[in-house]
Structures are given as C-alpha cells and as structure tokens.
Amino acid sequence: MTVQEEYFQNLSLVLKEKFNKKGFAFDSFANKEEAKKFVLSLIKDDDTITFGGSTSVNQMGILEDLKNYKNFIDRNNKDLKAEAELKAFSSDVYLCSANAITKNGDIVSTDGGGNRVAATIYGPKKVFLIVGRNKVCNTEKDAVKRVRDIAAGENSIRFKLDNPCSIGNMICDEENCDIEKRLCAYTIIINKCHIKNRIHIIFINEELGF
C-alpha cells in the first residue's frame, strides 16, 4: 500500500464515522470503476433514474450503463432535460455530486439554476453523491470557500462564462457579486440526513469534478 493509499484509507474511516453519525450512508472506493459497479448493484431494473448536471457523474462512466434501464431519463438529451429535472423530485434514484464535503460530516454544494441542490435536499428516494478526494475540506467554512473560490470559477470556465471568479483577479467578492450568470446562485449546507441513508456518499480515491 502506498502512502497516498494509506492516507485515503485513514481519511475514509474518519469520514465514514462522521457521516454515518449524521444519518448519511458512506462508502469509499479505490477508483471510479469499483464505485460504478457498487452503485449499479444497488439500482433496481424498474427504478426511475435521473441525474443532475455533474462532471463527476460523467467521469465515473455510469451514464452509458444507465441507458440500459427502461426508466432512465437522460438529462444530457436536450429534448429530455426539462422533463428530467422535474421528474427528479419523484424519482427512485438521483445521481449528482457535491462541491465540497467536510471532515466533520457536512456537505456543501452550489448551483446556478437550483435544480441539483433542490433534488439533493428533497424529492428522490435515493441520492448518490459521487465525490472525489479533491472535494474534502477541514471545516464548513473551508468548504464554502472552496465552493466560491474553486468550484464556481472552474465551472465558469467549463460553461465559457467570463465571470470574475474565473478571469482577472479571480477573487470571489461575495458581497458585491451581481453578475447575471452567477453559478453560485443557490448554495446549500447539509448537516444532517433525517431520512437515514437517503443520501449515500460515494467517496472515490481520484480527483473528480470541480
């Protein structure tokens, strides 16, 4: 076992204890291929499946497998995007990611449209959060800072938006940010999962997403 692998193993034990205590399910994996097999093993043939916009989910490679399920609604199909976002709230399975998690067992996510964070909080019977090791922060404050300074900026570049967090001085000016296409318009902090194990964190020893 390498030093990095041992660190990930030790970190996973800490995170699992913290998240389980707060009602979240938590499993860790050495790579995204192992994680994908695990998630697919928990999805039933007749489940209604949707997903939120997520680079991590795309990188995991699970969407091609989900196309074989009869009730999968492909959000990446422009003709089905609106339907997928609405049906997410009544779906059996919803996949997305988080922009940050903390060592104290908290989740922080931000969204430009709000559909992804809304479905994370409420609606789908089961939510799988695909989270790479790059999303781990020490504290809730650090996680919010990561969302503002890193996730919003990198996603602005991803969507080819000239937002101030991605060009120029690349500093998030939260108090004075009034840009039209702000990507951190809706930010959530989840400190507890009241429906036990509804939110299932899939923690992967790879850098995924933003």
C-alpha atoms as a PDB file:
ATOM      1  CA  MET A   1       0.000   0.000   0.000  1.00  0.00           C
ATOM      2  CA  THR A   2       1.360   3.416  -0.969  1.00  0.00           C
ATOM      3  CA  VAL A   3       1.459   6.378   1.394  1.00  0.00           C
ATOM      4  CA  GLN A   4      -1.319   8.053  -0.600  1.00  0.00           C
ATOM      5  CA  GLU A   5      -3.490   4.925  -0.466  1.00  0.00           C
ATOM      6  CA  GLU A   6      -2.991   4.601   3.283  1.00  0.00           C
ATOM      7  CA  TYR A   7      -3.894   8.270   3.766  1.00  0.00           C
ATOM      8  CA  PHE A   8      -7.086   7.795   1.745  1.00  0.00           C
ATOM      9  CA  GLN A   9      -7.965   4.701   3.770  1.00  0.00           C
ATOM     10  CA  ASN A  10      -7.465   6.550   7.062  1.00  0.00           C
ATOM     11  CA  LEU A  11      -9.407   9.581   5.819  1.00  0.00           C
ATOM     12  CA  SER A  12     -12.257   7.346   4.646  1.00  0.00           C
ATOM     13  CA  LEU A  13     -12.581   5.839   8.132  1.00  0.00           C
ATOM     14  CA  VAL A  14     -12.860   9.300   9.674  1.00  0.00           C
ATOM     15  CA  LEU A  15     -15.401  10.470   7.116  1.00  0.00           C
ATOM     16  CA  LYS A  16     -17.484   7.308   7.358  1.00  0.00           C
ATOM     17  CA  GLU A  17     -17.792   7.658  11.128  1.00  0.00           C
ATOM     18  CA  LYS A  18     -18.784  11.322  10.914  1.00  0.00           C
ATOM     19  CA  PHE A  19     -21.265  10.936   8.066  1.00  0.00           C
ATOM     20  CA  ASN A  20     -22.866   7.762   9.443  1.00  0.00           C
ATOM     21  CA  LYS A  21     -23.400   9.510  12.775  1.00  0.00           C
ATOM     22  CA  LYS A  22     -25.373  12.202  10.952  1.00  0.00           C
ATOM     23  CA  GLY A  23     -27.575   9.743   9.044  1.00  0.00           C
ATOM     24  CA  PHE A  24     -25.713   9.542   5.728  1.00  0.00           C
ATOM     25  CA  ALA A  25     -24.621   6.330   4.047  1.00  0.00           C
ATOM     26  CA  PHE A  26     -20.929   6.362   3.139  1.00  0.00           C
ATOM     27  CA  ASP A  27     -18.711   4.026   1.135  1.00  0.00           C
ATOM     28  CA  SER A  28     -15.223   4.562  -0.247  1.00  0.00           C
ATOM     29  CA  PHE A  29     -13.541   3.120  -3.321  1.00  0.00           C
ATOM     30  CA  ALA A  30     -10.045   2.950  -4.770  1.00  0.00           C
ATOM     31  CA  ASN A  31     -11.234   4.059  -8.210  1.00  0.00           C
ATOM     32  CA  LYS A  32     -14.311   5.076 -10.159  1.00  0.00           C
ATOM     33  CA  GLU A  33     -14.685   1.671 -11.825  1.00  0.00           C
ATOM     34  CA  GLU A  34     -15.172  -0.041  -8.454  1.00  0.00           C
ATOM     35  CA  ALA A  35     -17.539   2.722  -7.380  1.00  0.00           C
ATOM     36  CA  LYS A  36     -19.605   2.361 -10.539  1.00  0.00           C
ATOM     37  CA  LYS A  37     -20.080  -1.381 -10.033  1.00  0.00           C
ATOM     38  CA  PHE A  38     -21.218  -0.786  -6.473  1.00  0.00           C
ATOM     39  CA  VAL A  39     -23.763   1.885  -7.378  1.00  0.00           C
ATOM     40  CA  LEU A  40     -25.174  -0.202 -10.231  1.00  0.00           C
ATOM     41  CA  SER A  41     -25.607  -3.148  -7.836  1.00  0.00           C
ATOM     42  CA  LEU A  42     -27.977  -1.011  -5.749  1.00  0.00           C
ATOM     43  CA  ILE A  43     -30.199   0.144  -8.618  1.00  0.00           C
ATOM     44  CA  LYS A  44     -33.239  -1.980  -9.468  1.00  0.00           C
ATOM     45  CA  ASP A  45     -34.343  -2.728 -13.020  1.00  0.00           C
ATOM     46  CA  ASP A  46     -37.617  -0.825 -12.662  1.00  0.00           C
ATOM     47  CA  ASP A  47     -36.244   2.203 -10.782  1.00  0.00           C
ATOM     48  CA  THR A  48     -36.876   5.635 -12.239  1.00  0.00           C
ATOM     49  CA  ILE A  49     -33.393   7.144 -12.567  1.00  0.00           C
ATOM     50  CA  THR A  50     -32.366  10.752 -13.104  1.00  0.00           C
ATOM     51  CA  PHE A  51     -29.218  12.773 -12.525  1.00  0.00           C
ATOM     52  CA  GLY A  52     -28.092  16.352 -12.080  1.00  0.00           C
ATOM     53  CA  GLY A  53     -25.503  18.197 -14.106  1.00  0.00           C
ATOM     54  CA  SER A  54     -22.236  16.756 -12.812  1.00  0.00           C
ATOM     55  CA  THR A  55     -18.764  16.339 -14.227  1.00  0.00           C
ATOM     56  CA  SER A  56     -18.054  13.723 -11.541  1.00  0.00           C
ATOM     57  CA  VAL A  57     -21.002  11.577 -12.654  1.00  0.00           C
ATOM     58  CA  ASN A  58     -19.890  11.888 -16.276  1.00  0.00           C
ATOM     59  CA  GLN A  59     -16.288  10.973 -15.388  1.00  0.00           C
ATOM     60  CA  MET A  60     -17.483   7.939 -13.458  1.00  0.00           C
ATOM     61  CA  GLY A  61     -18.750   6.473 -16.741  1.00  0.00           C
ATOM     62  CA  ILE A  62     -22.019   5.245 -15.299  1.00  0.00           C
ATOM     63  CA  LEU A  63     -24.388   7.037 -17.683  1.00  0.00           C
ATOM     64  CA  GLU A  64     -23.813   4.613 -20.544  1.00  0.00           C
ATOM     65  CA  ASP A  65     -24.761   1.744 -18.237  1.00  0.00           C
ATOM     66  CA  LEU A  66     -27.882   3.559 -17.042  1.00  0.00           C
ATOM     67  CA  LYS A  67     -29.142   3.886 -20.620  1.00  0.00           C
ATOM     68  CA  ASN A  68     -29.930   0.166 -20.433  1.00  0.00           C
ATOM     69  CA  TYR A  69     -32.533   0.807 -17.720  1.00  0.00           C
ATOM     70  CA  LYS A  70     -36.066   1.259 -19.058  1.00  0.00           C
ATOM     71  CA  ASN A  71     -36.911   4.167 -16.728  1.00  0.00           C
ATOM     72  CA  PHE A  72     -33.720   6.157 -17.125  1.00  0.00           C
ATOM     73  CA  ILE A  73     -34.316   9.789 -18.155  1.00  0.00           C
ATOM     74  CA  ASP A  74     -31.224  11.135 -19.897  1.00  0.00           C
ATOM     75  CA  ARG A  75     -30.717  14.750 -18.862  1.00  0.00           C
ATOM     76  CA  ASN A  76     -27.896  15.087 -21.410  1.00  0.00           C
ATOM     77  CA  ASN A  77     -30.512  14.701 -24.154  1.00  0.00           C
ATOM     78  CA  LYS A  78     -31.617  18.303 -24.745  1.00  0.00           C
ATOM     79  CA  ASP A  79     -35.145  17.157 -25.580  1.00  0.00           C
ATOM     80  CA  LEU A  80     -35.433  15.422 -22.206  1.00  0.00           C
ATOM     81  CA  LYS A  81     -33.576  17.895 -19.959  1.00  0.00           C
ATOM     82  CA  ALA A  82     -36.641  19.770 -18.670  1.00  0.00           C
ATOM     83  CA  GLU A  83     -38.522  16.517 -18.057  1.00  0.00           C
ATOM     84  CA  ALA A  84     -35.537  15.012 -16.247  1.00  0.00           C
ATOM     85  CA  GLU A  85     -35.183  17.999 -13.938  1.00  0.00           C
ATOM     86  CA  LEU A  86     -38.866  17.896 -12.973  1.00  0.00           C
ATOM     87  CA  LYS A  87     -39.116  14.124 -12.617  1.00  0.00           C
ATOM     88  CA  ALA A  88     -36.022  14.112 -10.422  1.00  0.00           C
ATOM     89  CA  PHE A  89     -38.236  15.022  -7.478  1.00  0.00           C
ATOM     90  CA  SER A  90     -40.305  11.846  -7.836  1.00  0.00           C
ATOM     91  CA  SER A  91     -37.503   9.543  -8.966  1.00  0.00           C
ATOM     92  CA  ASP A  92     -36.285   6.435  -7.184  1.00  0.00           C
ATOM     93  CA  VAL A  93     -32.620   7.196  -7.826  1.00  0.00           C
ATOM     94  CA  TYR A  94     -30.845  10.512  -8.357  1.00  0.00           C
ATOM     95  CA  LEU A  95     -27.142  10.876  -9.073  1.00  0.00           C
ATOM     96  CA  CYS A  96     -25.104  14.044  -8.714  1.00  0.00           C
ATOM     97  CA  SER A  97     -22.073  15.329  -6.853  1.00  0.00           C
ATOM     98  CA  ALA A  98     -21.200  17.810  -4.128  1.00  0.00           C
ATOM     99  CA  ASN A  99     -18.796  20.709  -4.460  1.00  0.00           C
ATOM    100  CA  ALA A 100     -17.298  20.006  -1.048  1.00  0.00           C
ATOM    101  CA  ILE A 101     -17.563  17.728   1.981  1.00  0.00           C
ATOM    102  CA  THR A 102     -16.013  18.281   5.396  1.00  0.00           C
ATOM    103  CA  LYS A 103     -14.135  16.093   7.836  1.00  0.00           C
ATOM    104  CA  ASN A 104     -16.954  16.778  10.282  1.00  0.00           C
ATOM    105  CA  GLY A 105     -19.543  15.137   8.005  1.00  0.00           C
ATOM    106  CA  ASP A 106     -21.106  18.105   6.206  1.00  0.00           C
ATOM    107  CA  ILE A 107     -21.979  18.648   2.544  1.00  0.00           C
ATOM    108  CA  VAL A 108     -21.720  21.971   0.691  1.00  0.00           C
ATOM    109  CA  SER A 109     -22.973  22.434  -2.860  1.00  0.00           C
ATOM    110  CA  THR A 110     -23.767  25.355  -5.101  1.00  0.00           C
ATOM    111  CA  ASP A 111     -25.813  25.667  -8.275  1.00  0.00           C
ATOM    112  CA  GLY A 112     -26.640  28.213 -10.932  1.00  0.00           C
ATOM    113  CA  GLY A 113     -30.196  27.005 -11.594  1.00  0.00           C
ATOM    114  CA  GLY A 114     -31.017  25.361  -8.290  1.00  0.00           C
ATOM    115  CA  ASN A 115     -32.411  22.072  -9.614  1.00  0.00           C
ATOM    116  CA  ARG A 116     -29.441  19.964  -8.493  1.00  0.00           C
ATOM    117  CA  VAL A 117     -29.232  21.271  -4.941  1.00  0.00           C
ATOM    118  CA  ALA A 118     -33.027  21.165  -4.584  1.00  0.00           C
ATOM    119  CA  ALA A 119     -33.178  17.488  -5.563  1.00  0.00           C
ATOM    120  CA  THR A 120     -30.307  16.692  -3.223  1.00  0.00           C
ATOM    121  CA  ILE A 121     -32.309  18.052  -0.304  1.00  0.00           C
ATOM    122  CA  TYR A 122     -35.794  16.860  -1.190  1.00  0.00           C
ATOM    123  CA  GLY A 123     -37.645  14.507  -3.526  1.00  0.00           C
ATOM    124  CA  PRO A 124     -35.735  11.499  -4.836  1.00  0.00           C
ATOM    125  CA  LYS A 125     -35.968   8.371  -2.692  1.00  0.00           C
ATOM    126  CA  LYS A 126     -32.231   7.752  -3.003  1.00  0.00           C
ATOM    127  CA  VAL A 127     -29.453  10.235  -3.778  1.00  0.00           C
ATOM    128  CA  PHE A 128     -25.957   9.078  -4.719  1.00  0.00           C
ATOM    129  CA  LEU A 129     -23.333  11.792  -4.321  1.00  0.00           C
ATOM    130  CA  ILE A 130     -20.220  10.981  -6.366  1.00  0.00           C
ATOM    131  CA  VAL A 131     -17.335  12.687  -4.575  1.00  0.00           C
ATOM    132  CA  GLY A 132     -13.637  12.686  -5.446  1.00  0.00           C
ATOM    133  CA  ARG A 133     -10.860  13.142  -2.888  1.00  0.00           C
ATOM    134  CA  ASN A 134     -10.292  16.716  -4.110  1.00  0.00           C
ATOM    135  CA  LYS A 135     -13.605  17.783  -2.562  1.00  0.00           C
ATOM    136  CA  VAL A 136     -12.584  17.189   1.086  1.00  0.00           C
ATOM    137  CA  CYS A 137     -12.207  20.264   3.321  1.00  0.00           C
ATOM    138  CA  ASN A 138     -11.378  20.559   7.003  1.00  0.00           C
ATOM    139  CA  THR A 139     -14.286  22.751   8.092  1.00  0.00           C
ATOM    140  CA  GLU A 140     -17.626  24.055   6.863  1.00  0.00           C
ATOM    141  CA  LYS A 141     -16.034  27.484   6.403  1.00  0.00           C
ATOM    142  CA  ASP A 142     -13.284  25.950   4.255  1.00  0.00           C
ATOM    143  CA  ALA A 143     -15.917  24.108   2.219  1.00  0.00           C
ATOM    144  CA  VAL A 144     -17.874  27.281   1.481  1.00  0.00           C
ATOM    145  CA  LYS A 145     -14.623  28.980   0.495  1.00  0.00           C
ATOM    146  CA  ARG A 146     -13.825  26.100  -1.870  1.00  0.00           C
ATOM    147  CA  VAL A 147     -17.256  26.449  -3.471  1.00  0.00           C
ATOM    148  CA  ARG A 148     -16.745  30.188  -4.057  1.00  0.00           C
ATOM    149  CA  ASP A 149     -13.064  30.254  -4.984  1.00  0.00           C
ATOM    150  CA  ILE A 150     -12.602  26.986  -6.885  1.00  0.00           C
ATOM    151  CA  ALA A 151     -15.845  25.290  -7.932  1.00  0.00           C
ATOM    152  CA  ALA A 152     -17.595  28.435  -9.183  1.00  0.00           C
ATOM    153  CA  GLY A 153     -14.504  29.589 -11.061  1.00  0.00           C
ATOM    154  CA  GLU A 154     -13.747  26.260 -12.713  1.00  0.00           C
ATOM    155  CA  ASN A 155     -17.399  25.753 -13.673  1.00  0.00           C
ATOM    156  CA  SER A 156     -17.461  29.257 -15.153  1.00  0.00           C
ATOM    157  CA  ILE A 157     -14.607  28.186 -17.421  1.00  0.00           C
ATOM    158  CA  ARG A 158     -16.426  24.925 -18.160  1.00  0.00           C
ATOM    159  CA  PHE A 159     -19.503  26.857 -19.325  1.00  0.00           C
ATOM    160  CA  LYS A 160     -17.377  29.522 -21.072  1.00  0.00           C
ATOM    161  CA  LEU A 161     -18.607  32.355 -18.843  1.00  0.00           C
ATOM    162  CA  ASP A 162     -16.453  35.424 -18.194  1.00  0.00           C
ATOM    163  CA  ASN A 163     -17.324  35.566 -14.511  1.00  0.00           C
ATOM    164  CA  PRO A 164     -14.906  37.437 -12.211  1.00  0.00           C
ATOM    165  CA  CYS A 165     -14.112  34.238 -10.284  1.00  0.00           C
ATOM    166  CA  SER A 166     -12.593  32.733 -13.455  1.00  0.00           C
ATOM    167  CA  ILE A 167     -10.827  35.712 -15.092  1.00  0.00           C
ATOM    168  CA  GLY A 168      -8.992  38.847 -13.986  1.00  0.00           C
ATOM    169  CA  ASN A 169      -8.087  38.771 -10.303  1.00  0.00           C
ATOM    170  CA  MET A 170     -10.146  35.567  -9.870  1.00  0.00           C
ATOM    171  CA  ILE A 171     -11.338  36.616  -6.436  1.00  0.00           C
ATOM    172  CA  CYS A 172     -14.851  35.916  -5.212  1.00  0.00           C
ATOM    173  CA  ASP A 173     -16.405  39.180  -4.000  1.00  0.00           C
ATOM    174  CA  GLU A 174     -19.482  37.658  -2.407  1.00  0.00           C
ATOM    175  CA  GLU A 175     -20.930  40.889  -1.032  1.00  0.00           C
ATOM    176  CA  ASN A 176     -20.753  42.767  -4.326  1.00  0.00           C
ATOM    177  CA  CYS A 177     -21.323  39.949  -6.821  1.00  0.00           C
ATOM    178  CA  ASP A 178     -24.243  40.905  -9.057  1.00  0.00           C
ATOM    179  CA  ILE A 179     -23.260  39.178 -12.304  1.00  0.00           C
ATOM    180  CA  GLU A 180     -26.146  37.928 -14.435  1.00  0.00           C
ATOM    181  CA  LYS A 181     -24.835  34.396 -14.950  1.00  0.00           C
ATOM    182  CA  ARG A 182     -23.656  33.748 -11.411  1.00  0.00           C
ATOM    183  CA  LEU A 183     -23.075  29.998 -10.913  1.00  0.00           C
ATOM    184  CA  CYS A 184     -23.142  30.095  -7.111  1.00  0.00           C
ATOM    185  CA  ALA A 185     -26.667  31.499  -7.025  1.00  0.00           C
ATOM    186  CA  TYR A 186     -28.017  28.737  -4.779  1.00  0.00           C
ATOM    187  CA  THR A 187     -25.730  27.340  -2.087  1.00  0.00           C
ATOM    188  CA  ILE A 188     -26.737  24.647   0.407  1.00  0.00           C
ATOM    189  CA  ILE A 189     -25.137  23.230   3.540  1.00  0.00           C
ATOM    190  CA  ILE A 190     -26.382  19.817   4.651  1.00  0.00           C
ATOM    191  CA  ASN A 191     -25.508  18.983   8.254  1.00  0.00           C
ATOM    192  CA  LYS A 192     -27.916  16.080   8.783  1.00  0.00           C
ATOM    193  CA  CYS A 193     -29.747  13.424   6.758  1.00  0.00           C
ATOM    194  CA  HIS A 194     -33.047  12.973   8.612  1.00  0.00           C
ATOM    195  CA  ILE A 195     -34.192  10.129   6.345  1.00  0.00           C
ATOM    196  CA  LYS A 196     -31.441   7.718   7.288  1.00  0.00           C
ATOM    197  CA  ASN A 197     -29.199   6.653   4.392  1.00  0.00           C
ATOM    198  CA  ARG A 198     -31.276   8.546   1.794  1.00  0.00           C
ATOM    199  CA  ILE A 199     -28.121  10.431   0.804  1.00  0.00           C
ATOM    200  CA  HIS A 200     -25.325   7.995   0.002  1.00  0.00           C
ATOM    201  CA  ILE A 201     -21.828   9.406  -0.409  1.00  0.00           C
ATOM    202  CA  ILE A 202     -19.663   7.505  -2.881  1.00  0.00           C
ATOM    203  CA  PHE A 203     -16.140   8.614  -1.986  1.00  0.00           C
ATOM    204  CA  ILE A 204     -13.513   7.848  -4.630  1.00  0.00           C
ATOM    205  CA  ASN A 205      -9.712   7.992  -4.426  1.00  0.00           C
ATOM    206  CA  GLU A 206      -9.460  10.092  -7.581  1.00  0.00           C
ATOM    207  CA  GLU A 207      -9.772  13.771  -8.409  1.00  0.00           C
ATOM    208  CA  LEU A 208     -13.225  14.211  -9.923  1.00  0.00           C
ATOM    209  CA  GLY A 209     -15.237  17.233 -10.935  1.00  0.00           C
ATOM    210  CA  PHE A 210     -14.896  20.781  -9.676  1.00  0.00           C
END
